[in-house]
Amino acid sequence: TIVVPMDHGVTVGPIDGLVDMREAVGKV
């Protein structure tokens, strides 16, 4: 499997790459 975690926002806020979530998910 290739899993891409995108749960970082709770820990450190909206970091680069995870601002627009539809775009972030769409890319992977």
PDB file of all heavy atoms in Angstrom:
ATOM      1  N   THR A   1       0.810  -1.212   0.000  1.00  0.00           N
ATOM      2  CA  THR A   1       0.000   0.000   0.000  1.00  0.00           C
ATOM      3  C   THR A   1       0.843   1.263   0.000  1.00  0.00           C
ATOM      4  O   THR A   1       1.973   1.275   0.508  1.00  0.00           O
ATOM      5  CB  THR A   1      -0.941   0.017   1.218  1.00  0.00           C
ATOM      6  OG1 THR A   1      -1.858   1.116   1.111  1.00  0.00           O
ATOM      7  CG2 THR A   1      -0.162   0.142   2.528  1.00  0.00           C
ATOM      8  N   ILE A   2       0.280   2.322  -0.577  1.00  0.00           N
ATOM      9  CA  ILE A   2       0.825   3.680  -0.499  1.00  0.00           C
ATOM     10  C   ILE A   2      -0.240   4.530   0.185  1.00  0.00           C
ATOM     11  O   ILE A   2      -1.270   4.860  -0.403  1.00  0.00           O
ATOM     12  CB  ILE A   2       1.140   4.250  -1.895  1.00  0.00           C
ATOM     13  CG1 ILE A   2       2.196   3.395  -2.603  1.00  0.00           C
ATOM     14  CG2 ILE A   2       1.603   5.701  -1.792  1.00  0.00           C
ATOM     15  CD1 ILE A   2       2.403   3.765  -4.065  1.00  0.00           C
ATOM     16  N   VAL A   3       0.003   4.845   1.445  1.00  0.00           N
ATOM     17  CA  VAL A   3      -0.930   5.652   2.234  1.00  0.00           C
ATOM     18  C   VAL A   3      -0.323   7.038   2.431  1.00  0.00           C
ATOM     19  O   VAL A   3       0.871   7.164   2.728  1.00  0.00           O
ATOM     20  CB  VAL A   3      -1.197   5.002   3.608  1.00  0.00           C
ATOM     21  CG1 VAL A   3      -2.141   5.866   4.441  1.00  0.00           C
ATOM     22  CG2 VAL A   3      -1.768   3.591   3.447  1.00  0.00           C
ATOM     23  N   VAL A   4      -1.140   8.063   2.268  1.00  0.00           N
ATOM     24  CA  VAL A   4      -0.679   9.438   2.475  1.00  0.00           C
ATOM     25  C   VAL A   4      -1.462  10.050   3.635  1.00  0.00           C
ATOM     26  O   VAL A   4      -2.620  10.431   3.473  1.00  0.00           O
ATOM     27  CB  VAL A   4      -0.835  10.290   1.209  1.00  0.00           C
ATOM     28  CG1 VAL A   4      -0.264  11.691   1.454  1.00  0.00           C
ATOM     29  CG2 VAL A   4      -0.150   9.631   0.015  1.00  0.00           C
ATOM     30  N   PRO A   5      -0.855  10.146   4.808  1.00  0.00           N
ATOM     31  CA  PRO A   5      -1.536  10.791   5.935  1.00  0.00           C
ATOM     32  C   PRO A   5      -1.698  12.295   5.676  1.00  0.00           C
ATOM     33  O   PRO A   5      -0.768  12.950   5.214  1.00  0.00           O
ATOM     34  CB  PRO A   5      -0.586  10.547   7.115  1.00  0.00           C
ATOM     35  CG  PRO A   5       0.310   9.438   6.684  1.00  0.00           C
ATOM     36  CD  PRO A   5       0.442   9.587   5.206  1.00  0.00           C
ATOM     37  N   MET A   6      -2.878  12.805   6.011  1.00  0.00           N
ATOM     38  CA  MET A   6      -3.155  14.231   5.892  1.00  0.00           C
ATOM     39  C   MET A   6      -3.824  14.727   7.167  1.00  0.00           C
ATOM     40  O   MET A   6      -4.681  15.616   7.144  1.00  0.00           O
ATOM     41  CB  MET A   6      -4.035  14.492   4.666  1.00  0.00           C
ATOM     42  CG  MET A   6      -3.355  14.142   3.352  1.00  0.00           C
ATOM     43  SD  MET A   6      -4.375  14.543   1.917  1.00  0.00           S
ATOM     44  CE  MET A   6      -3.185  14.298   0.571  1.00  0.00           C
ATOM     45  N   ASP A   7      -3.406  14.170   8.294  1.00  0.00           N
ATOM     46  CA  ASP A   7      -3.995  14.487   9.593  1.00  0.00           C
ATOM     47  C   ASP A   7      -3.167  15.512  10.374  1.00  0.00           C
ATOM     48  O   ASP A   7      -3.411  15.741  11.558  1.00  0.00           O
ATOM     49  CB  ASP A   7      -4.123  13.205  10.417  1.00  0.00           C
ATOM     50  CG  ASP A   7      -2.776  12.515  10.632  1.00  0.00           C
ATOM     51  OD1 ASP A   7      -2.011  12.398   9.657  1.00  0.00           O
ATOM     52  OD2 ASP A   7      -2.482  12.092  11.766  1.00  0.00           O
ATOM     53  N   HIS A   8      -2.209  16.154   9.714  1.00  0.00           N
ATOM     54  CA  HIS A   8      -1.250  17.023  10.395  1.00  0.00           C
ATOM     55  C   HIS A   8      -1.862  18.314  10.952  1.00  0.00           C
ATOM     56  O   HIS A   8      -1.284  18.953  11.834  1.00  0.00           O
ATOM     57  CB  HIS A   8      -0.122  17.394   9.431  1.00  0.00           C
ATOM     58  CG  HIS A   8       0.619  16.227   8.873  1.00  0.00           C
ATOM     59  ND1 HIS A   8       0.009  15.264   8.091  1.00  0.00           N
ATOM     60  CD2 HIS A   8       1.927  15.863   8.969  1.00  0.00           C
ATOM     61  CE1 HIS A   8       0.908  14.364   7.737  1.00  0.00           C
ATOM     62  NE2 HIS A   8       2.067  14.699   8.254  1.00  0.00           N
ATOM     63  N   GLY A   9      -3.008  18.733  10.424  1.00  0.00           N
ATOM     64  CA  GLY A   9      -3.577  20.020  10.796  1.00  0.00           C
ATOM     65  C   GLY A   9      -3.887  20.156  12.272  1.00  0.00           C
ATOM     66  O   GLY A   9      -3.726  21.238  12.846  1.00  0.00           O
ATOM     67  N   VAL A  10      -4.342  19.080  12.905  1.00  0.00           N
ATOM     68  CA  VAL A  10      -4.619  19.143  14.333  1.00  0.00           C
ATOM     69  C   VAL A  10      -3.322  19.370  15.105  1.00  0.00           C
ATOM     70  O   VAL A  10      -3.266  20.157  16.045  1.00  0.00           O
ATOM     71  CB  VAL A  10      -5.317  17.855  14.821  1.00  0.00           C
ATOM     72  CG1 VAL A  10      -5.385  17.827  16.348  1.00  0.00           C
ATOM     73  CG2 VAL A  10      -6.723  17.765  14.245  1.00  0.00           C
ATOM     74  N   THR A  11      -2.256  18.722  14.684  1.00  0.00           N
ATOM     75  CA  THR A  11      -0.995  18.810  15.400  1.00  0.00           C
ATOM     76  C   THR A  11      -0.299  20.139  15.192  1.00  0.00           C
ATOM     77  O   THR A  11       0.139  20.789  16.155  1.00  0.00           O
ATOM     78  CB  THR A  11      -0.050  17.674  14.956  1.00  0.00           C
ATOM     79  OG1 THR A  11      -0.722  16.419  15.104  1.00  0.00           O
ATOM     80  CG2 THR A  11       1.215  17.661  15.801  1.00  0.00           C
ATOM     81  N   VAL A  12      -0.184  20.590  13.944  1.00  0.00           N
ATOM     82  CA  VAL A  12       0.645  21.763  13.646  1.00  0.00           C
ATOM     83  C   VAL A  12      -0.072  22.836  12.839  1.00  0.00           C
ATOM     84  O   VAL A  12       0.541  23.835  12.454  1.00  0.00           O
ATOM     85  CB  VAL A  12       1.938  21.349  12.908  1.00  0.00           C
ATOM     86  CG1 VAL A  12       2.823  20.503  13.799  1.00  0.00           C
ATOM     87  CG2 VAL A  12       1.616  20.598  11.615  1.00  0.00           C
ATOM     88  N   GLY A  13      -1.345  22.663  12.539  1.00  0.00           N
ATOM     89  CA  GLY A  13      -2.073  23.670  11.776  1.00  0.00           C
ATOM     90  C   GLY A  13      -2.035  23.415  10.281  1.00  0.00           C
ATOM     91  O   GLY A  13      -1.529  22.388   9.815  1.00  0.00           O
ATOM     92  N   PRO A  14      -2.567  24.353   9.481  1.00  0.00           N
ATOM     93  CA  PRO A  14      -2.666  24.164   8.025  1.00  0.00           C
ATOM     94  C   PRO A  14      -1.327  24.408   7.324  1.00  0.00           C
ATOM     95  O   PRO A  14      -1.063  25.476   6.781  1.00  0.00           O
ATOM     96  CB  PRO A  14      -3.711  25.210   7.613  1.00  0.00           C
ATOM     97  CG  PRO A  14      -3.550  26.295   8.636  1.00  0.00           C
ATOM     98  CD  PRO A  14      -3.193  25.621   9.930  1.00  0.00           C
ATOM     99  N   ILE A  15      -0.486  23.397   7.329  1.00  0.00           N
ATOM    100  CA  ILE A  15       0.853  23.522   6.750  1.00  0.00           C
ATOM    101  C   ILE A  15       0.805  23.462   5.225  1.00  0.00           C
ATOM    102  O   ILE A  15      -0.198  23.057   4.628  1.00  0.00           O
ATOM    103  CB  ILE A  15       1.802  22.437   7.296  1.00  0.00           C
ATOM    104  CG1 ILE A  15       1.255  21.035   6.999  1.00  0.00           C
ATOM    105  CG2 ILE A  15       2.019  22.629   8.789  1.00  0.00           C
ATOM    106  CD1 ILE A  15       2.205  19.914   7.414  1.00  0.00           C
ATOM    107  N   ASP A  16       1.916  23.857   4.600  1.00  0.00           N
ATOM    108  CA  ASP A  16       2.018  23.823   3.144  1.00  0.00           C
ATOM    109  C   ASP A  16       1.660  22.435   2.630  1.00  0.00           C
ATOM    110  O   ASP A  16       2.125  21.419   3.147  1.00  0.00           O
ATOM    111  CB  ASP A  16       3.439  24.169   2.705  1.00  0.00           C
ATOM    112  CG  ASP A  16       3.778  25.634   2.922  1.00  0.00           C
ATOM    113  OD1 ASP A  16       2.844  26.427   3.149  1.00  0.00           O
ATOM    114  OD2 ASP A  16       4.979  25.980   2.869  1.00  0.00           O
ATOM    115  N   GLY A  17       0.838  22.419   1.598  1.00  0.00           N
ATOM    116  CA  GLY A  17       0.412  21.156   0.998  1.00  0.00           C
ATOM    117  C   GLY A  17      -0.933  20.689   1.491  1.00  0.00           C
ATOM    118  O   GLY A  17      -1.560  19.830   0.874  1.00  0.00           O
ATOM    119  N   LEU A  18      -1.393  21.252   2.622  1.00  0.00           N
ATOM    120  CA  LEU A  18      -2.667  20.814   3.199  1.00  0.00           C
ATOM    121  C   LEU A  18      -3.600  21.987   3.471  1.00  0.00           C
ATOM    122  O   LEU A  18      -4.367  21.966   4.428  1.00  0.00           O
ATOM    123  CB  LEU A  18      -2.425  20.039   4.504  1.00  0.00           C
ATOM    124  CG  LEU A  18      -1.696  18.712   4.392  1.00  0.00           C
ATOM    125  CD1 LEU A  18      -1.614  18.041   5.763  1.00  0.00           C
ATOM    126  CD2 LEU A  18      -2.372  17.773   3.394  1.00  0.00           C
ATOM    127  N   VAL A  19      -3.546  22.997   2.629  1.00  0.00           N
ATOM    128  CA  VAL A  19      -4.450  24.139   2.785  1.00  0.00           C
ATOM    129  C   VAL A  19      -5.753  23.868   2.037  1.00  0.00           C
ATOM    130  O   VAL A  19      -6.836  23.884   2.616  1.00  0.00           O
ATOM    131  CB  VAL A  19      -3.789  25.441   2.299  1.00  0.00           C
ATOM    132  CG1 VAL A  19      -4.781  26.601   2.386  1.00  0.00           C
ATOM    133  CG2 VAL A  19      -2.547  25.746   3.137  1.00  0.00           C
ATOM    134  N   ASP A  20      -5.656  23.588   0.753  1.00  0.00           N
ATOM    135  CA  ASP A  20      -6.813  23.205  -0.060  1.00  0.00           C
ATOM    136  C   ASP A  20      -6.871  21.682  -0.079  1.00  0.00           C
ATOM    137  O   ASP A  20      -6.111  21.027  -0.797  1.00  0.00           O
ATOM    138  CB  ASP A  20      -6.660  23.759  -1.482  1.00  0.00           C
ATOM    139  CG  ASP A  20      -7.870  23.480  -2.357  1.00  0.00           C
ATOM    140  OD1 ASP A  20      -8.540  22.446  -2.158  1.00  0.00           O
ATOM    141  OD2 ASP A  20      -8.135  24.287  -3.260  1.00  0.00           O
ATOM    142  N   MET A  21      -7.768  21.109   0.706  1.00  0.00           N
ATOM    143  CA  MET A  21      -7.763  19.657   0.883  1.00  0.00           C
ATOM    144  C   MET A  21      -8.240  18.900  -0.357  1.00  0.00           C
ATOM    145  O   MET A  21      -7.747  17.818  -0.641  1.00  0.00           O
ATOM    146  CB  MET A  21      -8.612  19.270   2.090  1.00  0.00           C
ATOM    147  CG  MET A  21      -7.964  19.627   3.421  1.00  0.00           C
ATOM    148  SD  MET A  21      -6.285  18.934   3.576  1.00  0.00           S
ATOM    149  CE  MET A  21      -6.636  17.187   3.385  1.00  0.00           C
ATOM    150  N   ARG A  22      -9.182  19.456  -1.102  1.00  0.00           N
ATOM    151  CA  ARG A  22      -9.607  18.759  -2.318  1.00  0.00           C
ATOM    152  C   ARG A  22      -8.451  18.684  -3.312  1.00  0.00           C
ATOM    153  O   ARG A  22      -8.247  17.666  -3.975  1.00  0.00           O
ATOM    154  CB  ARG A  22     -10.816  19.457  -2.943  1.00  0.00           C
ATOM    155  CG  ARG A  22     -12.104  19.228  -2.179  1.00  0.00           C
ATOM    156  CD  ARG A  22     -13.321  19.794  -2.900  1.00  0.00           C
ATOM    157  NE  ARG A  22     -14.530  19.515  -2.135  1.00  0.00           N
ATOM    158  CZ  ARG A  22     -15.001  20.283  -1.172  1.00  0.00           C
ATOM    159  NH1 ARG A  22     -14.361  21.405  -0.861  1.00  0.00           N
ATOM    160  NH2 ARG A  22     -16.097  19.965  -0.514  1.00  0.00           N
ATOM    161  N   GLU A  23      -7.692  19.758  -3.391  1.00  0.00           N
ATOM    162  CA  GLU A  23      -6.536  19.759  -4.282  1.00  0.00           C
ATOM    163  C   GLU A  23      -5.482  18.770  -3.786  1.00  0.00           C
ATOM    164  O   GLU A  23      -4.909  18.013  -4.583  1.00  0.00           O
ATOM    165  CB  GLU A  23      -5.946  21.164  -4.345  1.00  0.00           C
ATOM    166  CG  GLU A  23      -4.715  21.261  -5.238  1.00  0.00           C
ATOM    167  CD  GLU A  23      -4.121  22.658  -5.252  1.00  0.00           C
ATOM    168  OE1 GLU A  23      -3.943  23.242  -4.165  1.00  0.00           O
ATOM    169  OE2 GLU A  23      -3.831  23.165  -6.346  1.00  0.00           O
ATOM    170  N   ALA A  24      -5.230  18.758  -2.475  1.00  0.00           N
ATOM    171  CA  ALA A  24      -4.218  17.858  -1.904  1.00  0.00           C
ATOM    172  C   ALA A  24      -4.588  16.402  -2.147  1.00  0.00           C
ATOM    173  O   ALA A  24      -3.744  15.590  -2.567  1.00  0.00           O
ATOM    174  CB  ALA A  24      -4.061  18.133  -0.414  1.00  0.00           C
ATOM    175  N   VAL A  25      -5.832  16.060  -1.876  1.00  0.00           N
ATOM    176  CA  VAL A  25      -6.275  14.680  -2.092  1.00  0.00           C
ATOM    177  C   VAL A  25      -6.241  14.345  -3.575  1.00  0.00           C
ATOM    178  O   VAL A  25      -5.790  13.268  -3.978  1.00  0.00           O
ATOM    179  CB  VAL A  25      -7.689  14.464  -1.513  1.00  0.00           C
ATOM    180  CG1 VAL A  25      -8.216  13.078  -1.894  1.00  0.00           C
ATOM    181  CG2 VAL A  25      -7.676  14.607   0.008  1.00  0.00           C
ATOM    182  N   GLY A  26      -6.705  15.270  -4.409  1.00  0.00           N
ATOM    183  CA  GLY A  26      -6.734  15.023  -5.854  1.00  0.00           C
ATOM    184  C   GLY A  26      -5.370  14.715  -6.426  1.00  0.00           C
ATOM    185  O   GLY A  26      -5.235  13.845  -7.301  1.00  0.00           O
ATOM    186  N   LYS A  27      -4.334  15.389  -5.935  1.00  0.00           N
ATOM    187  CA  LYS A  27      -2.987  15.161  -6.454  1.00  0.00           C
ATOM    188  C   LYS A  27      -2.502  13.747  -6.178  1.00  0.00           C
ATOM    189  O   LYS A  27      -1.893  13.101  -7.044  1.00  0.00           O
ATOM    190  CB  LYS A  27      -2.024  16.182  -5.856  1.00  0.00           C
ATOM    191  CG  LYS A  27      -2.178  17.594  -6.415  1.00  0.00           C
ATOM    192  CD  LYS A  27      -1.224  18.562  -5.743  1.00  0.00           C
ATOM    193  CE  LYS A  27      -1.353  19.964  -6.320  1.00  0.00           C
ATOM    194  NZ  LYS A  27      -0.458  20.934  -5.640  1.00  0.00           N
ATOM    195  N   VAL A  28      -2.743  13.236  -4.961  1.00  0.00           N
ATOM    196  CA  VAL A  28      -2.250  11.886  -4.661  1.00  0.00           C
ATOM    197  C   VAL A  28      -3.145  10.818  -5.283  1.00  0.00           C
ATOM    198  O   VAL A  28      -2.670   9.726  -5.628  1.00  0.00           O
ATOM    199  CB  VAL A  28      -2.073  11.674  -3.141  1.00  0.00           C
ATOM    200  CG1 VAL A  28      -1.085  12.683  -2.578  1.00  0.00           C
ATOM    201  CG2 VAL A  28      -3.387  11.720  -2.391  1.00  0.00           C
TER     202      VAL A  28
END
